[in-house]
Amino acid sequence: MKNLGMYGYGAKGFTLSMITAAISISNGQAGSEVIAQIIELGSALINAPIKLLANVEDVLATLYKDYKLIVATKGDLLDQERKLGNSNLEKYFHHVEIMSDKNPDSYRKLVRHLDINAGEFLMIGNSLKSDVIPVLEIGSDAIHIPYHTTWAHEHVDDMTDFQPYMTLDGFSDLLEVFYRPGERGS
């Protein structure tokens, strides 16, 4: 957590933090073999195959016919570009925004860049802290789709101070939100 401000989010920052931790807990005695192992783990993380959630591509293929879809993600630019490219999903998006962090100012900047009003923007994501709260704070809407391995840093206990938002069980439920039966992909 201490290193997020310096290294940012993503596999490279995580790798640098593991090296820092190894040096710290070994009182500076972590040798080149340990550092090499950590770098190897970090490289494996960066190069791990992309595993899409169930129905993601089908839902995107349907929605992109009728809506301008935007990827708004945080993390290392190269890492996120690589992941999106390897996912084969980039073709569905009108714009890709890779942010250092997801906060109200970042979303305001995105909305200005898209030349829309905040009320015209809907964020769909798995993190209350990064995808829902800052979007609600700027007057946009949000849909939360919880995921079982969301990082503890993204956990929020109390959402009572925020305007209503929708929670769905899974990605495929989005089609029920955006289309009446028989209308999909018009």
Protein backbone atom coordinates (compact mmCIF):
# COMPACT_ATOMS: atom_id res chain seq x y z
CA MET A 1 0.00 0.00 0.00
CA LYS A 2 2.84 2.35 0.86
CA ASN A 3 4.29 1.99 -2.65
CA LEU A 4 1.10 2.66 -4.63
CA GLY A 5 1.79 6.39 -4.80
CA MET A 6 5.23 5.78 -6.31
CA TYR A 7 4.80 2.62 -8.40
CA GLY A 8 1.08 2.71 -9.17
CA TYR A 9 -1.19 -0.24 -9.79
CA GLY A 10 -0.27 -3.28 -11.85
CA ALA A 11 2.13 -6.18 -12.14
CA LYS A 12 5.28 -4.05 -12.40
CA GLY A 13 4.45 -2.08 -9.26
CA PHE A 14 3.61 -5.33 -7.49
CA THR A 15 6.96 -6.82 -8.55
CA LEU A 16 8.88 -3.77 -7.32
CA SER A 17 6.97 -3.96 -4.04
CA MET A 18 7.87 -7.66 -3.66
CA ILE A 19 11.55 -6.78 -4.17
CA THR A 20 11.28 -3.99 -1.61
CA ALA A 21 9.61 -6.38 0.85
CA ALA A 22 12.26 -9.07 0.29
CA ILE A 23 15.04 -6.59 1.00
CA SER A 24 13.22 -5.26 4.06
CA ILE A 25 12.35 -8.60 5.69
CA SER A 26 15.83 -9.99 5.02
CA ASN A 27 17.48 -6.89 6.51
CA GLY A 28 19.18 -6.25 3.18
CA GLN A 29 20.40 -9.83 2.81
CA ALA A 30 18.13 -10.89 -0.08
CA GLY A 31 20.58 -11.98 -2.72
CA SER A 32 20.46 -11.81 -6.48
CA GLU A 33 18.88 -15.29 -6.61
CA VAL A 34 15.89 -14.11 -4.57
CA ILE A 35 15.55 -10.93 -6.64
CA ALA A 36 15.77 -13.00 -9.85
CA GLN A 37 12.99 -15.31 -8.57
CA ILE A 38 10.78 -12.31 -7.78
CA ILE A 39 11.40 -10.83 -11.23
CA GLU A 40 10.54 -14.21 -12.77
CA LEU A 41 7.28 -14.29 -10.78
CA GLY A 42 6.49 -10.75 -11.91
CA SER A 43 7.20 -11.64 -15.55
CA ALA A 44 4.92 -14.66 -15.27
CA LEU A 45 2.19 -12.42 -13.88
CA ILE A 46 2.62 -9.91 -16.72
CA ASN A 47 2.55 -12.68 -19.33
CA ALA A 48 -0.26 -14.74 -17.79
CA PRO A 49 -2.96 -15.66 -20.30
CA ILE A 50 -6.12 -13.59 -20.26
CA LYS A 51 -9.13 -15.46 -18.90
CA LEU A 52 -12.39 -13.73 -19.74
CA LEU A 53 -15.34 -13.96 -17.41
CA ALA A 54 -18.30 -15.97 -18.67
CA ASN A 55 -20.35 -14.26 -21.40
CA VAL A 56 -18.21 -11.09 -21.50
CA GLU A 57 -17.52 -11.17 -25.24
CA ASP A 58 -21.12 -12.04 -26.14
CA VAL A 59 -22.45 -9.19 -24.00
CA LEU A 60 -19.94 -6.68 -25.42
CA ALA A 61 -20.71 -7.81 -28.99
CA THR A 62 -24.38 -7.10 -28.33
CA LEU A 63 -24.00 -3.80 -26.46
CA TYR A 64 -21.47 -2.24 -28.82
CA LYS A 65 -24.03 -2.28 -31.65
CA ASP A 66 -26.20 0.23 -29.77
CA TYR A 67 -23.91 1.98 -27.27
CA LYS A 68 -20.51 3.67 -27.21
CA LEU A 69 -18.51 1.46 -24.89
CA ILE A 70 -15.49 2.82 -23.04
CA VAL A 71 -12.81 0.94 -21.11
CA ALA A 72 -11.86 2.92 -18.02
CA THR A 73 -9.16 1.08 -16.11
CA LYS A 74 -6.26 1.89 -13.84
CA GLY A 75 -2.74 0.62 -13.83
CA ASP A 76 0.41 0.56 -15.87
CA LEU A 77 -0.15 1.80 -19.44
CA LEU A 78 1.85 -0.93 -21.19
CA ASP A 79 0.44 -3.69 -18.99
CA GLN A 80 -3.17 -2.60 -19.53
CA GLU A 81 -2.68 -2.11 -23.28
CA ARG A 82 -1.15 -5.59 -23.50
CA LYS A 83 -3.99 -7.16 -21.54
CA LEU A 84 -6.65 -5.48 -23.66
CA GLY A 85 -4.88 -6.46 -26.87
CA ASN A 86 -4.49 -10.07 -25.73
CA SER A 87 -8.15 -10.24 -24.73
CA ASN A 88 -9.29 -9.60 -28.34
CA LEU A 89 -11.98 -7.29 -26.94
CA GLU A 90 -10.56 -3.95 -28.06
CA LYS A 91 -12.74 -3.98 -31.20
CA TYR A 92 -15.83 -3.40 -29.05
CA PHE A 93 -14.65 -0.13 -27.50
CA HIS A 94 -15.05 3.40 -28.75
CA HIS A 95 -12.35 4.68 -26.39
CA VAL A 96 -9.82 3.27 -23.92
CA GLU A 97 -8.85 5.32 -20.86
CA ILE A 98 -6.01 4.06 -18.69
CA MET A 99 -5.83 6.08 -15.47
CA SER A 100 -3.18 6.24 -12.79
CA ASP A 101 -5.99 5.94 -10.28
CA LYS A 102 -9.77 5.95 -10.39
CA ASN A 103 -10.98 8.95 -8.45
CA PRO A 104 -13.57 11.69 -9.08
CA ASP A 105 -11.05 13.95 -10.85
CA SER A 106 -10.02 11.13 -13.22
CA TYR A 107 -13.66 10.45 -14.10
CA ARG A 108 -14.38 14.19 -14.56
CA LYS A 109 -11.45 14.36 -16.97
CA LEU A 110 -12.78 11.32 -18.86
CA VAL A 111 -16.29 12.79 -19.13
CA ARG A 112 -14.82 16.09 -20.44
CA HIS A 113 -12.69 14.18 -22.95
CA LEU A 114 -15.77 12.29 -24.16
CA ASP A 115 -17.59 15.65 -24.45
CA ILE A 116 -20.61 14.41 -22.51
CA ASN A 117 -22.38 15.42 -19.32
CA ALA A 118 -21.71 13.37 -16.19
CA GLY A 119 -25.36 12.27 -16.26
CA GLU A 120 -24.76 10.57 -19.62
CA PHE A 121 -21.99 8.34 -18.25
CA LEU A 122 -22.59 4.91 -16.72
CA MET A 123 -19.75 2.95 -15.16
CA ILE A 124 -19.95 -0.83 -14.86
CA GLY A 125 -17.36 -2.42 -12.61
CA ASN A 126 -16.48 -4.81 -9.81
CA SER A 127 -15.04 -2.33 -7.31
CA LEU A 128 -17.21 -0.14 -5.10
CA LYS A 129 -14.18 1.99 -4.22
CA SER A 130 -12.85 2.55 -7.75
CA ASP A 131 -15.78 1.97 -10.10
CA VAL A 132 -18.87 3.04 -8.16
CA ILE A 133 -18.14 5.67 -5.49
CA PRO A 134 -16.09 8.15 -7.55
CA VAL A 135 -18.59 7.92 -10.43
CA LEU A 136 -21.54 8.57 -8.11
CA GLU A 137 -19.62 11.51 -6.62
CA ILE A 138 -19.46 13.26 -10.02
CA GLY A 139 -23.18 12.73 -10.72
CA SER A 140 -22.92 9.71 -13.00
CA ASP A 141 -24.56 6.33 -12.60
CA ALA A 142 -22.94 3.00 -11.79
CA ILE A 143 -23.64 -0.71 -11.95
CA HIS A 144 -21.72 -2.93 -9.56
CA ILE A 145 -20.97 -6.52 -10.54
CA PRO A 146 -19.16 -8.03 -7.53
CA TYR A 147 -16.33 -10.43 -8.14
CA HIS A 148 -15.15 -12.92 -5.52
CA THR A 149 -11.45 -11.97 -5.68
CA THR A 150 -11.68 -8.17 -5.49
CA TRP A 151 -8.59 -6.79 -3.75
CA ALA A 152 -9.06 -5.99 -0.03
CA HIS A 153 -7.83 -2.44 -0.76
CA GLU A 154 -11.00 -1.97 -2.83
CA HIS A 155 -13.37 -3.12 -0.06
CA VAL A 156 -15.99 -0.65 1.22
CA ASP A 157 -18.11 -1.38 4.29
CA ASP A 158 -20.74 1.35 4.16
CA MET A 159 -22.46 2.69 1.06
CA THR A 160 -25.35 4.46 2.84
CA ASP A 161 -24.02 7.96 2.03
CA PHE A 162 -24.16 7.40 -1.73
CA GLN A 163 -26.99 7.72 -4.23
CA PRO A 164 -28.56 4.48 -5.36
CA TYR A 165 -26.73 2.26 -7.80
CA MET A 166 -27.56 -1.12 -9.30
CA THR A 167 -25.90 -4.41 -8.34
CA LEU A 168 -26.03 -7.38 -10.70
CA ASP A 169 -25.06 -11.00 -10.15
CA GLY A 170 -23.13 -11.37 -13.40
CA PHE A 171 -22.07 -9.73 -16.63
CA SER A 172 -24.80 -11.37 -18.72
CA ASP A 173 -27.44 -9.66 -16.55
CA LEU A 174 -26.50 -6.40 -18.28
CA LEU A 175 -28.52 -7.41 -21.33
CA GLU A 176 -31.68 -7.50 -19.21
CA VAL A 177 -30.91 -3.95 -18.05
CA PHE A 178 -30.33 -2.50 -21.51
CA TYR A 179 -32.84 -4.43 -23.63
CA ARG A 180 -36.41 -5.64 -23.45
CA PRO A 181 -36.88 -9.24 -24.59
CA GLY A 182 -36.44 -9.50 -28.36
CA GLU A 183 -34.70 -6.11 -28.75
CA ARG A 184 -31.05 -7.07 -28.38
CA GLY A 185 -28.54 -5.74 -30.88
CA SER A 186 -31.03 -3.69 -32.89
